[in-house]
Amino acid sequence: MSRNPLMAGMLGGLIGVGLGGMLFGGGFFSGMSGMGMGGMLGLLIQVVIIAFIARWLYTRFVRRPAMAGGPEIMDRTANGGAPQGANAPVAPPVVIGPQDYAAFEQILQGVQAAWSAQDMHTLQTLATPEMAGYFNDQLSDMASRGQRNTVTAVHLDQGDLSEAWAEQGRDYATVAMRFSMIDATYDSTGRVVKGNATTRTESTEVWTFLRTAGGRWILSAIQQTQ
């Protein structure tokens, strides 16, 4: 397989002609001498053409190079370009301290105050666009019914960290927030149709916060609990 296919084809053709001459009793070179220069040239042209075709078929189907990278590249692409294997860098743990809990409480109170005032501009600065859109939809639904909900005198009684992690350059923290408040819903006449305007109620919700590296926390999701 390592020989030059062109030379091998030419040599094979010449040997074939010589063997034909021997079979007919004319000796090894009689087949070539009887052909004349025109026949010899035609034979060589045919041999060259056949050799080129054989070489092309060999390189096309036998020695076709494998795709660069193979499954390893597809694995990295499928996982967002993250390095695989034991040498992949491990993100440092996200440590939640007193300053973070203070920020969570401020966001809780700020979101409830902006909600009560129907202040979408402030809500957009305290939450992700997805959460701000959710708040806007809820406020629009109540407005279409002629209702308004207010949550005042909010106090965080307890915040328990459920999970904290880093992902794609962002820090996340999920906290079970137990807080008390005065929660009341009014109709267009000012009558309380839901909740209580004088008695404090207590609620527990799971809030998820996120921040970019070196940035401030904002609200990412709220999950109601039983």
Protein backbone atom coordinates (compact mmCIF):
# COMPACT_ATOMS: atom_id res chain seq x y z
CA MET A 1 0.00 0.00 0.00
CA SER A 2 2.94 2.30 0.46
CA ARG A 3 4.13 2.10 -3.16
CA ASN A 4 3.42 4.83 -5.66
CA PRO A 5 0.12 3.77 -7.33
CA LEU A 6 1.04 5.45 -10.62
CA MET A 7 4.31 3.56 -10.96
CA ALA A 8 2.68 0.35 -9.82
CA GLY A 9 -0.01 0.70 -12.48
CA MET A 10 2.49 1.36 -15.27
CA LEU A 11 4.68 -1.55 -14.21
CA GLY A 12 1.67 -3.84 -13.98
CA GLY A 13 0.60 -2.90 -17.49
CA LEU A 14 4.03 -3.53 -18.95
CA ILE A 15 4.29 -6.88 -17.18
CA GLY A 16 0.87 -7.84 -18.49
CA VAL A 17 1.90 -7.09 -22.06
CA GLY A 18 5.13 -9.09 -21.65
CA LEU A 19 3.31 -12.09 -20.20
CA GLY A 20 0.90 -12.00 -23.13
CA GLY A 21 3.81 -12.19 -25.52
CA MET A 22 5.24 -15.19 -23.70
CA LEU A 23 1.93 -17.04 -23.86
CA PHE A 24 1.84 -16.69 -27.61
CA GLY A 25 5.45 -17.84 -28.04
CA GLY A 26 7.05 -14.53 -28.84
CA GLY A 27 9.02 -14.02 -25.66
CA PHE A 28 8.57 -11.54 -22.87
CA PHE A 29 9.19 -8.41 -25.00
CA SER A 30 7.43 -9.59 -28.12
CA GLY A 31 4.05 -8.31 -26.96
CA MET A 32 5.42 -4.80 -26.58
CA SER A 33 7.51 -4.82 -29.75
CA GLY A 34 4.57 -5.95 -31.85
CA MET A 35 2.40 -3.13 -30.69
CA GLY A 36 4.43 -0.38 -32.31
CA MET A 37 4.96 3.09 -30.96
CA GLY A 38 1.29 4.10 -31.43
CA GLY A 39 0.00 1.08 -29.59
CA MET A 40 2.59 1.48 -26.87
CA LEU A 41 1.61 5.15 -26.36
CA GLY A 42 -2.07 4.27 -26.21
CA LEU A 43 -1.35 1.59 -23.62
CA LEU A 44 0.62 3.99 -21.47
CA ILE A 45 -2.19 6.57 -21.62
CA GLN A 46 -4.72 3.96 -20.55
CA VAL A 47 -2.44 2.82 -17.71
CA VAL A 48 -1.99 6.39 -16.48
CA ILE A 49 -5.76 7.02 -16.53
CA ILE A 50 -6.48 3.78 -14.67
CA ALA A 51 -3.74 4.59 -12.12
CA PHE A 52 -5.19 8.04 -11.43
CA ILE A 53 -8.69 6.57 -11.00
CA ALA A 54 -7.36 3.88 -8.64
CA ARG A 55 -5.46 6.45 -6.63
CA TRP A 56 -8.53 8.68 -6.34
CA LEU A 57 -10.69 5.75 -5.20
CA TYR A 58 -8.07 4.73 -2.65
CA THR A 59 -7.77 8.19 -1.11
CA ARG A 60 -11.56 8.74 -1.25
CA PHE A 61 -12.76 5.57 0.45
CA VAL A 62 -9.79 3.90 2.16
CA ARG A 63 -7.66 6.73 3.52
CA ARG A 64 -10.45 9.26 4.15
CA PRO A 65 -9.31 11.30 7.19
CA ALA A 66 -11.43 11.28 10.33
CA MET A 67 -13.34 14.44 11.32
CA ALA A 68 -11.16 16.69 13.47
CA GLY A 69 -12.09 16.55 17.14
CA GLY A 70 -14.85 13.94 16.78
CA PRO A 71 -17.23 13.34 19.69
CA GLU A 72 -15.07 15.37 22.08
CA ILE A 73 -15.91 18.63 20.29
CA MET A 74 -19.60 17.79 20.19
CA ASP A 75 -19.58 17.03 23.91
CA ARG A 76 -18.05 20.41 24.69
CA THR A 77 -20.54 22.18 22.43
CA ALA A 78 -23.50 20.37 23.94
CA ASN A 79 -22.41 21.48 27.39
CA GLY A 80 -22.12 25.14 26.50
CA GLY A 81 -18.38 25.04 25.90
CA ALA A 82 -17.54 24.03 29.45
CA PRO A 83 -14.35 21.99 29.77
CA GLN A 84 -14.88 18.31 30.51
CA GLY A 85 -13.05 15.88 32.73
CA ALA A 86 -11.14 16.10 35.96
CA ASN A 87 -9.31 19.29 34.95
CA ALA A 88 -12.53 21.36 34.62
CA PRO A 89 -12.43 24.37 36.95
CA VAL A 90 -14.78 24.22 39.93
CA ALA A 91 -16.71 27.38 40.78
CA PRO A 92 -16.00 28.63 44.31
CA PRO A 93 -18.89 28.25 46.76
CA VAL A 94 -21.20 31.22 47.26
CA VAL A 95 -21.02 32.35 50.88
CA ILE A 96 -24.06 34.22 52.19
CA GLY A 97 -23.36 36.58 55.09
CA PRO A 98 -25.22 39.15 57.21
CA GLN A 99 -24.92 41.84 54.53
CA ASP A 100 -26.60 39.54 52.03
CA TYR A 101 -29.49 38.82 54.39
CA ALA A 102 -29.89 42.56 54.97
CA ALA A 103 -30.05 43.04 51.18
CA PHE A 104 -32.69 40.30 50.91
CA GLU A 105 -34.84 42.02 53.54
CA GLN A 106 -34.49 45.37 51.78
CA ILE A 107 -35.59 43.80 48.49
CA LEU A 108 -38.55 42.17 50.24
CA GLN A 109 -39.70 45.48 51.69
CA GLY A 110 -38.92 47.44 48.51
CA VAL A 111 -40.84 45.03 46.27
CA GLN A 112 -43.89 45.06 48.54
CA ALA A 113 -43.85 48.87 48.75
CA ALA A 114 -43.50 49.28 44.98
CA TRP A 115 -46.25 46.71 44.45
CA SER A 116 -48.58 48.58 46.75
CA ALA A 117 -47.85 51.87 44.96
CA GLN A 118 -48.08 50.18 41.53
CA ASP A 119 -44.63 51.60 40.83
CA MET A 120 -43.37 49.55 37.91
CA HIS A 121 -40.20 51.65 37.51
CA THR A 122 -39.01 50.66 41.00
CA LEU A 123 -40.02 47.04 40.48
CA GLN A 124 -37.89 46.93 37.34
CA THR A 125 -34.84 48.01 39.38
CA LEU A 126 -35.46 45.40 42.09
CA ALA A 127 -36.25 42.36 39.94
CA THR A 128 -35.31 40.64 36.70
CA PRO A 129 -37.27 41.59 33.56
CA GLU A 130 -39.18 38.31 33.83
CA MET A 131 -40.31 39.01 37.40
CA ALA A 132 -41.10 42.64 36.59
CA GLY A 133 -43.27 41.42 33.70
CA TYR A 134 -45.06 39.04 36.07
CA PHE A 135 -45.77 41.88 38.52
CA ASN A 136 -47.05 44.06 35.67
CA ASP A 137 -49.44 41.34 34.51
CA GLN A 138 -50.84 40.85 38.01
CA LEU A 139 -51.33 44.57 38.56
CA SER A 140 -53.05 44.86 35.18
CA ASP A 141 -55.43 42.00 36.00
CA MET A 142 -56.45 43.62 39.30
CA ALA A 143 -56.86 47.02 37.64
CA SER A 144 -59.20 45.47 35.08
CA ARG A 145 -61.35 44.22 37.97
CA GLY A 146 -61.28 47.59 39.67
CA GLN A 147 -59.18 46.30 42.57
CA ARG A 148 -55.96 47.28 44.28
CA ASN A 149 -53.81 45.31 46.69
CA THR A 150 -51.55 46.90 49.32
CA VAL A 151 -48.95 45.18 51.47
CA THR A 152 -47.66 47.44 54.22
CA ALA A 153 -45.74 47.25 57.52
CA VAL A 154 -43.65 44.39 56.18
CA HIS A 155 -41.26 42.76 58.65
CA LEU A 156 -38.96 39.83 57.93
CA ASP A 157 -39.24 37.45 60.87
CA GLN A 158 -36.90 34.75 59.59
CA GLY A 159 -34.85 33.98 56.50
CA ASP A 160 -33.46 30.48 55.99
CA LEU A 161 -30.97 29.86 53.20
CA SER A 162 -32.08 26.90 51.12
CA GLU A 163 -29.36 26.91 48.45
CA ALA A 164 -26.60 29.13 47.07
CA TRP A 165 -24.63 28.47 43.90
CA ALA A 166 -22.74 30.08 41.02
CA GLU A 167 -23.58 29.61 37.35
CA GLN A 168 -22.30 31.34 34.20
CA GLY A 169 -20.82 34.31 36.02
CA ARG A 170 -23.80 34.82 38.35
CA ASP A 171 -24.45 34.08 42.01
CA TYR A 172 -27.81 32.67 43.09
CA ALA A 173 -29.37 32.32 46.53
CA THR A 174 -32.71 30.75 47.41
CA VAL A 175 -34.12 31.81 50.78
CA ALA A 176 -37.27 30.79 52.63
CA MET A 177 -38.71 34.14 53.73
CA ARG A 178 -41.12 34.16 56.67
CA PHE A 179 -42.53 37.63 57.14
CA SER A 180 -45.53 39.44 58.61
CA MET A 181 -47.49 42.29 57.04
CA ILE A 182 -50.82 44.01 56.65
CA ASP A 183 -52.30 42.68 53.43
CA ALA A 184 -55.57 44.05 52.08
CA THR A 185 -57.27 44.26 48.71
CA TYR A 186 -59.69 47.13 48.02
CA ASP A 187 -62.29 47.68 45.33
CA SER A 188 -62.89 50.93 43.48
CA THR A 189 -65.00 52.29 46.38
CA GLY A 190 -62.30 51.63 48.97
CA ARG A 191 -64.03 48.65 50.51
CA VAL A 192 -61.83 45.76 51.66
CA VAL A 193 -62.74 42.72 49.56
CA LYS A 194 -59.86 40.48 50.64
CA GLY A 195 -57.44 40.40 53.56
CA ASN A 196 -57.51 42.67 56.58
CA ALA A 197 -56.56 46.33 56.80
CA THR A 198 -55.86 46.31 60.55
CA THR A 199 -54.64 42.82 61.50
CA ARG A 200 -51.19 41.53 60.67
CA THR A 201 -50.90 38.29 58.75
CA GLU A 202 -47.94 36.00 58.26
CA SER A 203 -46.68 34.36 55.08
CA THR A 204 -43.79 32.16 54.02
CA GLU A 205 -42.47 32.33 50.47
CA VAL A 206 -39.32 31.03 48.78
CA TRP A 207 -37.49 33.88 47.05
CA THR A 208 -34.55 33.39 44.69
CA PHE A 209 -32.06 36.23 44.25
CA LEU A 210 -29.27 36.67 41.71
CA ARG A 211 -26.34 38.99 41.16
CA THR A 212 -23.52 39.31 38.69
CA ALA A 213 -19.94 39.24 39.95
CA GLY A 214 -19.43 42.39 41.97
CA GLY A 215 -23.05 43.50 41.46
CA ARG A 216 -26.06 43.83 43.73
CA TRP A 217 -28.78 41.31 44.46
CA ILE A 218 -32.10 41.44 42.59
CA LEU A 219 -35.19 39.24 42.77
CA SER A 220 -35.29 36.38 40.28
CA ALA A 221 -38.24 34.18 41.34
CA ILE A 222 -40.94 33.71 43.98
CA GLN A 223 -42.38 30.37 44.95
CA GLN A 224 -45.44 30.10 47.16
CA THR A 225 -45.48 27.55 49.97
CA GLN A 226 -48.34 25.67 51.51
